Protein backbone atom coordinates (compact mmCIF):
# COMPACT_ATOMS: atom_id res chain seq x y z
CA MET A 1 41.92 -33.52 4.83
CA PRO A 2 38.22 -34.44 5.44
CA SER A 3 36.92 -36.89 2.82
CA ASN A 4 33.76 -36.04 0.57
CA SER A 5 31.64 -38.12 2.47
CA SER A 6 32.16 -36.27 5.59
CA LYS A 7 30.88 -32.94 3.92
CA ARG A 8 28.05 -31.43 5.56
CA TYR A 9 25.08 -31.04 3.43
CA LEU A 10 22.09 -28.65 3.82
CA ARG A 11 19.20 -30.56 5.61
CA PRO A 12 15.87 -30.08 3.95
CA SER A 13 13.24 -28.04 5.84
CA VAL A 14 9.79 -27.20 5.04
CA PHE A 15 8.99 -24.53 7.58
CA TRP A 16 12.49 -22.57 7.12
CA SER A 17 12.48 -23.34 3.23
CA ILE A 18 13.95 -20.33 1.06
CA ARG A 19 11.94 -19.63 -2.13
CA GLN A 20 10.80 -23.25 -2.03
CA PRO A 21 6.95 -24.49 -2.57
CA PHE A 22 5.10 -24.27 0.89
CA PRO A 23 2.48 -26.96 1.76
CA ASN A 24 -1.19 -25.43 1.35
CA GLY A 25 -2.44 -27.11 4.58
CA LEU A 26 0.42 -25.55 6.60
CA GLY A 27 0.32 -21.98 5.05
CA VAL A 28 -3.63 -21.94 5.99
CA ALA A 29 -2.82 -23.03 9.47
CA LEU A 30 -0.30 -20.20 9.76
CA VAL A 31 -2.79 -17.69 8.57
CA VAL A 32 -5.51 -18.79 11.21
CA PHE A 33 -2.84 -18.69 13.91
CA ALA A 34 -1.88 -15.13 12.91
CA LEU A 35 -5.47 -13.90 13.05
CA ALA A 36 -6.56 -15.85 15.94
CA PHE A 37 -3.60 -15.01 18.26
CA PRO A 38 -4.07 -11.39 18.72
CA LEU A 39 -7.98 -11.87 18.94
CA ALA A 40 -7.41 -14.34 21.84
CA ILE A 41 -5.17 -11.65 23.35
CA TRP A 42 -7.75 -9.04 22.79
CA SER A 43 -10.63 -11.24 24.26
CA ALA A 44 -8.49 -12.00 27.29
CA LEU A 45 -7.68 -8.46 28.00
CA SER A 46 -11.19 -7.03 27.33
CA TYR A 47 -13.76 -9.85 28.85
CA GLY A 48 -11.45 -10.30 31.80
CA GLY A 49 -11.68 -6.99 32.92
CA ILE A 50 -7.96 -6.49 32.65
CA VAL A 51 -8.25 -3.31 30.68
CA GLU A 52 -10.97 -1.00 31.06
CA SER A 53 -13.68 -0.88 27.91
CA ILE A 54 -13.25 2.69 27.54
CA PHE A 55 -9.55 1.86 26.41
CA LEU A 56 -10.13 -1.73 24.95
CA PRO A 57 -13.90 -2.50 24.38
CA THR A 58 -14.69 -6.25 23.78
CA PRO A 59 -15.20 -7.74 20.23
CA THR A 60 -18.61 -8.09 20.92
CA ALA A 61 -18.90 -4.33 21.62
CA VAL A 62 -17.28 -3.55 18.51
CA LEU A 63 -19.32 -5.56 16.38
CA GLN A 64 -22.50 -3.89 18.01
CA ALA A 65 -21.13 -0.66 17.19
CA GLY A 66 -20.49 -1.50 13.78
CA ARG A 67 -23.91 -2.81 13.47
CA THR A 68 -25.12 0.70 14.68
CA MET A 69 -22.85 2.38 12.44
CA LEU A 70 -24.29 0.60 9.39
CA PHE A 71 -27.87 0.70 9.80
CA GLU A 72 -28.15 3.94 11.77
CA ASP A 73 -25.13 6.39 11.01
CA ASN A 74 -24.89 5.57 7.04
CA LEU A 75 -21.57 3.79 7.42
CA LEU A 76 -22.01 2.72 3.64
CA PHE A 77 -21.71 6.23 2.38
CA ASP A 78 -18.72 7.05 4.68
CA ILE A 79 -16.95 4.01 2.93
CA TRP A 80 -18.03 5.22 -0.65
CA SER A 81 -16.84 8.62 0.06
CA SER A 82 -13.54 7.57 1.35
CA CYS A 83 -12.95 4.90 -1.54
CA TYR A 84 -13.76 7.83 -3.88
CA ARG A 85 -11.18 10.04 -2.71
CA VAL A 86 -8.47 7.64 -2.36
CA LEU A 87 -9.29 6.46 -5.86
CA LEU A 88 -8.94 9.76 -7.24
CA GLY A 89 -6.04 11.07 -5.28
CA PHE A 90 -4.09 7.52 -5.80
CA GLY A 91 -5.05 7.53 -9.42
CA LEU A 92 -3.80 10.85 -9.95
CA ALA A 93 -0.55 10.12 -8.35
CA ALA A 94 0.03 6.76 -10.16
CA ALA A 95 -0.81 8.63 -13.63
CA ILE A 96 1.76 11.32 -12.90
CA GLY A 97 4.36 9.63 -10.70
CA VAL A 98 4.93 6.29 -12.80
CA PRO A 99 5.87 7.92 -16.14
CA MET A 100 8.00 10.62 -14.31
CA GLY A 101 9.86 7.54 -12.56
CA ILE A 102 10.31 5.77 -15.87
CA ALA A 103 11.51 8.99 -17.29
CA MET A 104 13.89 9.29 -14.33
CA GLY A 105 15.14 5.86 -14.52
CA THR A 106 15.65 5.60 -18.26
CA PHE A 107 17.32 9.14 -19.13
CA GLN A 108 20.06 10.87 -17.27
CA SER A 109 18.60 14.12 -17.97
CA MET A 110 15.30 13.38 -16.59
CA GLU A 111 16.95 12.23 -13.53
CA ARG A 112 19.04 15.50 -13.04
CA LEU A 113 15.82 17.56 -13.74
CA PHE A 114 13.34 15.66 -11.44
CA SER A 115 15.56 14.18 -8.71
CA PRO A 116 16.13 17.57 -6.70
CA ILE A 117 12.44 18.32 -6.37
CA VAL A 118 11.63 14.66 -5.85
CA GLY A 119 14.05 13.93 -3.21
CA THR A 120 13.58 16.90 -1.51
CA VAL A 121 9.75 17.01 -1.23
CA ARG A 122 9.27 13.38 -0.44
CA TYR A 123 11.04 14.14 2.92
CA MET A 124 8.56 16.84 3.98
CA PRO A 125 5.75 15.90 6.09
CA VAL A 126 2.29 16.32 3.91
CA ALA A 127 0.36 17.65 7.39
CA ALA A 128 2.82 20.69 6.93
CA PHE A 129 1.26 21.57 3.50
CA VAL A 130 -2.33 21.55 4.90
CA PRO A 131 -2.58 25.11 5.62
CA LEU A 132 -1.23 26.02 2.16
CA ILE A 133 -3.45 23.61 0.44
CA ILE A 134 -6.50 24.96 2.14
CA LEU A 135 -5.44 28.44 0.91
CA TRP A 136 -4.81 27.33 -2.67
CA ALA A 137 -7.80 24.75 -3.06
CA GLY A 138 -10.28 25.72 -0.21
CA LEU A 139 -12.03 23.38 1.95
CA GLY A 140 -13.74 20.92 -0.47
CA GLU A 141 -12.91 17.70 -2.25
CA LEU A 142 -10.18 19.13 -4.17
CA ALA A 143 -7.95 19.59 -1.03
CA ARG A 144 -8.68 16.24 0.53
CA ILE A 145 -7.49 14.64 -2.96
CA LEU A 146 -4.46 16.69 -3.24
CA ILE A 147 -3.32 15.76 0.03
CA ILE A 148 -3.55 12.06 -0.87
CA PHE A 149 -1.76 12.96 -4.02
CA LEU A 150 1.07 14.84 -2.57
CA GLY A 151 1.55 12.02 -0.05
CA ILE A 152 1.96 9.54 -2.73
CA VAL A 153 3.27 10.99 -6.17
CA PHE A 154 6.86 11.18 -5.26
CA TYR A 155 7.39 7.79 -3.59
CA ASN A 156 5.61 6.22 -6.93
CA ALA A 157 8.27 8.32 -8.95
CA ILE A 158 11.24 7.16 -6.99
CA MET A 159 10.31 3.53 -6.61
CA VAL A 160 9.49 3.33 -10.21
CA ALA A 161 12.87 5.05 -11.19
CA ASP A 162 14.67 2.55 -9.10
CA THR A 163 13.03 -0.53 -10.71
CA VAL A 164 14.15 0.67 -14.27
CA LYS A 165 17.56 0.86 -12.96
CA PHE A 166 17.52 -2.81 -11.99
CA ILE A 167 17.25 -3.55 -15.58
CA PRO A 168 20.59 -5.04 -16.56
CA ASN A 169 22.82 -2.95 -19.12
CA GLU A 170 23.64 -6.04 -20.97
CA LEU A 171 20.00 -6.30 -22.39
CA PHE A 172 20.30 -2.46 -23.66
CA SER A 173 23.33 -3.53 -25.59
CA VAL A 174 21.91 -6.87 -27.05
CA ALA A 175 18.81 -4.62 -28.13
CA TYR A 176 21.08 -1.90 -29.94
CA THR A 177 23.10 -4.94 -31.40
CA LEU A 178 19.93 -6.14 -33.10
CA GLY A 179 19.37 -2.83 -34.50
CA ALA A 180 16.87 -1.27 -31.96
CA ASN A 181 16.51 2.38 -31.45
CA ARG A 182 15.77 4.21 -28.30
CA VAL A 183 12.17 4.04 -28.79
CA ASP A 184 12.16 0.11 -29.18
CA VAL A 185 14.38 -0.01 -26.24
CA LEU A 186 11.85 1.93 -24.22
CA SER A 187 8.83 0.08 -25.35
CA ARG A 188 10.15 -3.38 -25.96
CA VAL A 189 12.85 -3.76 -23.20
CA ILE A 190 12.11 -1.28 -20.50
CA LEU A 191 8.34 -1.35 -20.27
CA PRO A 192 7.83 -5.08 -20.41
CA GLY A 193 10.76 -5.37 -17.62
CA ILE A 194 9.02 -2.85 -15.29
CA VAL A 195 5.53 -3.91 -15.19
CA PRO A 196 5.91 -6.30 -12.13
CA GLY A 197 7.86 -3.47 -10.33
CA ILE A 198 5.23 -0.96 -11.20
CA ILE A 199 2.37 -3.17 -9.84
CA ASP A 200 4.40 -3.75 -6.79
CA THR A 201 4.84 0.00 -6.29
CA LEU A 202 1.41 0.77 -6.44
CA ARG A 203 0.49 -2.23 -4.18
CA VAL A 204 2.87 -0.86 -1.45
CA ASN A 205 1.94 2.75 -1.70
CA VAL A 206 -1.75 2.54 -2.07
CA ALA A 207 -1.53 1.56 1.76
CA GLY A 208 -0.08 5.10 2.20
CA ALA A 209 -3.07 6.52 0.50
CA TRP A 210 -5.18 5.35 3.20
CA ASN A 211 -2.97 6.57 5.79
CA PHE A 212 -3.28 10.22 4.13
CA LEU A 213 -6.92 9.89 4.39
CA VAL A 214 -7.35 10.49 7.69
CA ILE A 215 -5.36 13.56 7.26
CA SER A 216 -7.34 14.66 4.21
CA GLU A 217 -10.70 14.19 6.09
CA LEU A 218 -9.73 16.47 8.72
CA ILE A 219 -10.39 19.29 6.51
CA ALA A 220 -14.01 20.31 7.12
CA ALA A 221 -15.23 16.86 6.27
CA ASP A 222 -18.50 15.72 7.15
CA ASN A 223 -18.36 12.12 5.87
CA GLY A 224 -15.72 9.15 5.18
CA LEU A 225 -14.04 6.82 7.54
CA GLY A 226 -11.45 9.13 8.54
CA PHE A 227 -13.99 11.65 9.87
CA ARG A 228 -15.84 8.81 11.69
CA VAL A 229 -12.63 7.91 13.24
CA VAL A 230 -12.02 11.49 14.60
CA GLN A 231 -15.55 11.94 15.62
CA ALA A 232 -15.83 8.77 17.58
CA GLN A 233 -12.52 9.63 19.41
CA ARG A 234 -13.73 13.14 20.37
CA PHE A 235 -16.68 11.26 22.25
CA LEU A 236 -14.28 8.48 23.62
CA GLN A 237 -16.35 5.90 21.44
CA THR A 238 -13.40 3.44 21.22
CA ASP A 239 -15.66 0.78 20.00
CA LYS A 240 -16.67 2.97 16.87
CA VAL A 241 -13.03 3.79 16.41
CA LEU A 242 -11.74 0.28 16.18
CA PHE A 243 -14.76 -1.01 13.88
CA ALA A 244 -13.91 2.11 11.43
CA ILE A 245 -10.25 1.09 11.41
CA ALA A 246 -11.21 -2.45 11.01
CA VAL A 247 -13.21 -1.57 7.93
CA ILE A 248 -10.00 0.40 6.63
CA GLY A 249 -8.07 -2.49 7.08
CA LEU A 250 -10.40 -4.95 5.18
CA ILE A 251 -10.70 -2.65 2.28
CA GLY A 252 -6.83 -2.50 2.48
CA LEU A 253 -6.86 -6.36 2.25
CA LEU A 254 -9.10 -6.60 -0.55
CA THR A 255 -7.14 -4.03 -2.49
CA ASP A 256 -3.89 -5.71 -1.68
CA PHE A 257 -5.35 -9.12 -3.03
CA SER A 258 -6.70 -7.34 -6.28
CA PHE A 259 -3.02 -5.99 -6.96
CA LYS A 260 -1.89 -9.88 -6.52
CA LEU A 261 -4.58 -10.85 -9.00
CA LEU A 262 -3.51 -8.06 -11.49
CA SER A 263 0.04 -9.11 -11.07
CA HIS A 264 -0.78 -13.00 -11.78
CA TRP A 265 -2.87 -11.79 -14.76
CA LEU A 266 -0.47 -9.32 -16.43
CA THR A 267 2.85 -10.79 -15.48
CA PRO A 268 2.48 -14.67 -14.78
CA TRP A 269 6.37 -14.94 -15.57
CA ALA A 270 7.28 -12.83 -12.73
CA GLU A 271 4.90 -14.95 -10.49
CA SER A 272 6.50 -17.95 -11.47
CA SER A 273 9.94 -16.97 -10.91
CA ARG A 274 9.53 -16.17 -7.29
CA TYR A 275 9.23 -19.86 -6.50
């Protein structure tokens, strides 16, 4: 029999620690590396002439194209138009999808009522609905907002419903034992317990809203970042395509950071429990 002194213990690790505090300096270094490495590969391929500029322009050419788009092509208005469409479409999807998800996760009756339509429609490609949306809503802003809405709302509902289902049944039993009714359980147990999950759901699905934006701006749009990408692609202006994509990525990064701040502000207990 091996003695207790011969037992193997888990060696401490900084880089491979699981849910342990991580050094800030090393974290910054990893972020810098993650950004610098693909930039270095891009620079080597473009400046070195390994890939033709029509397929992969240099970072300098992309920045120059961005300057032209900002000061001559009114890119700021395109940014505002796209943000406006995403805000309305995603906001409407959150206003409908989150309550639907709470109802589905809380009540069996609501799950039986909504699950067939949610489970079916969320697998249907939104692009297939474009001809119908044009017939129903025309070629204006309403059609573009509807595309973003339909692409997100059912994912919001199903993900929020799953968040509700992760609440332990023991909490409900304790609440009923203490004299709570169904309204109390919903307002004092379920809703506070799923706020972190709701924020995470919205944070994940807002990325999908920007993906559907490009589809929505194919419908007779004359402005927007998606429109700029498609227009530049038609004329093989790869530098403008890359700059517009980079702008969308930057907006997404700021949006993601905003959701993190919101989560830290509203649910500090959830943030601290992750470490």
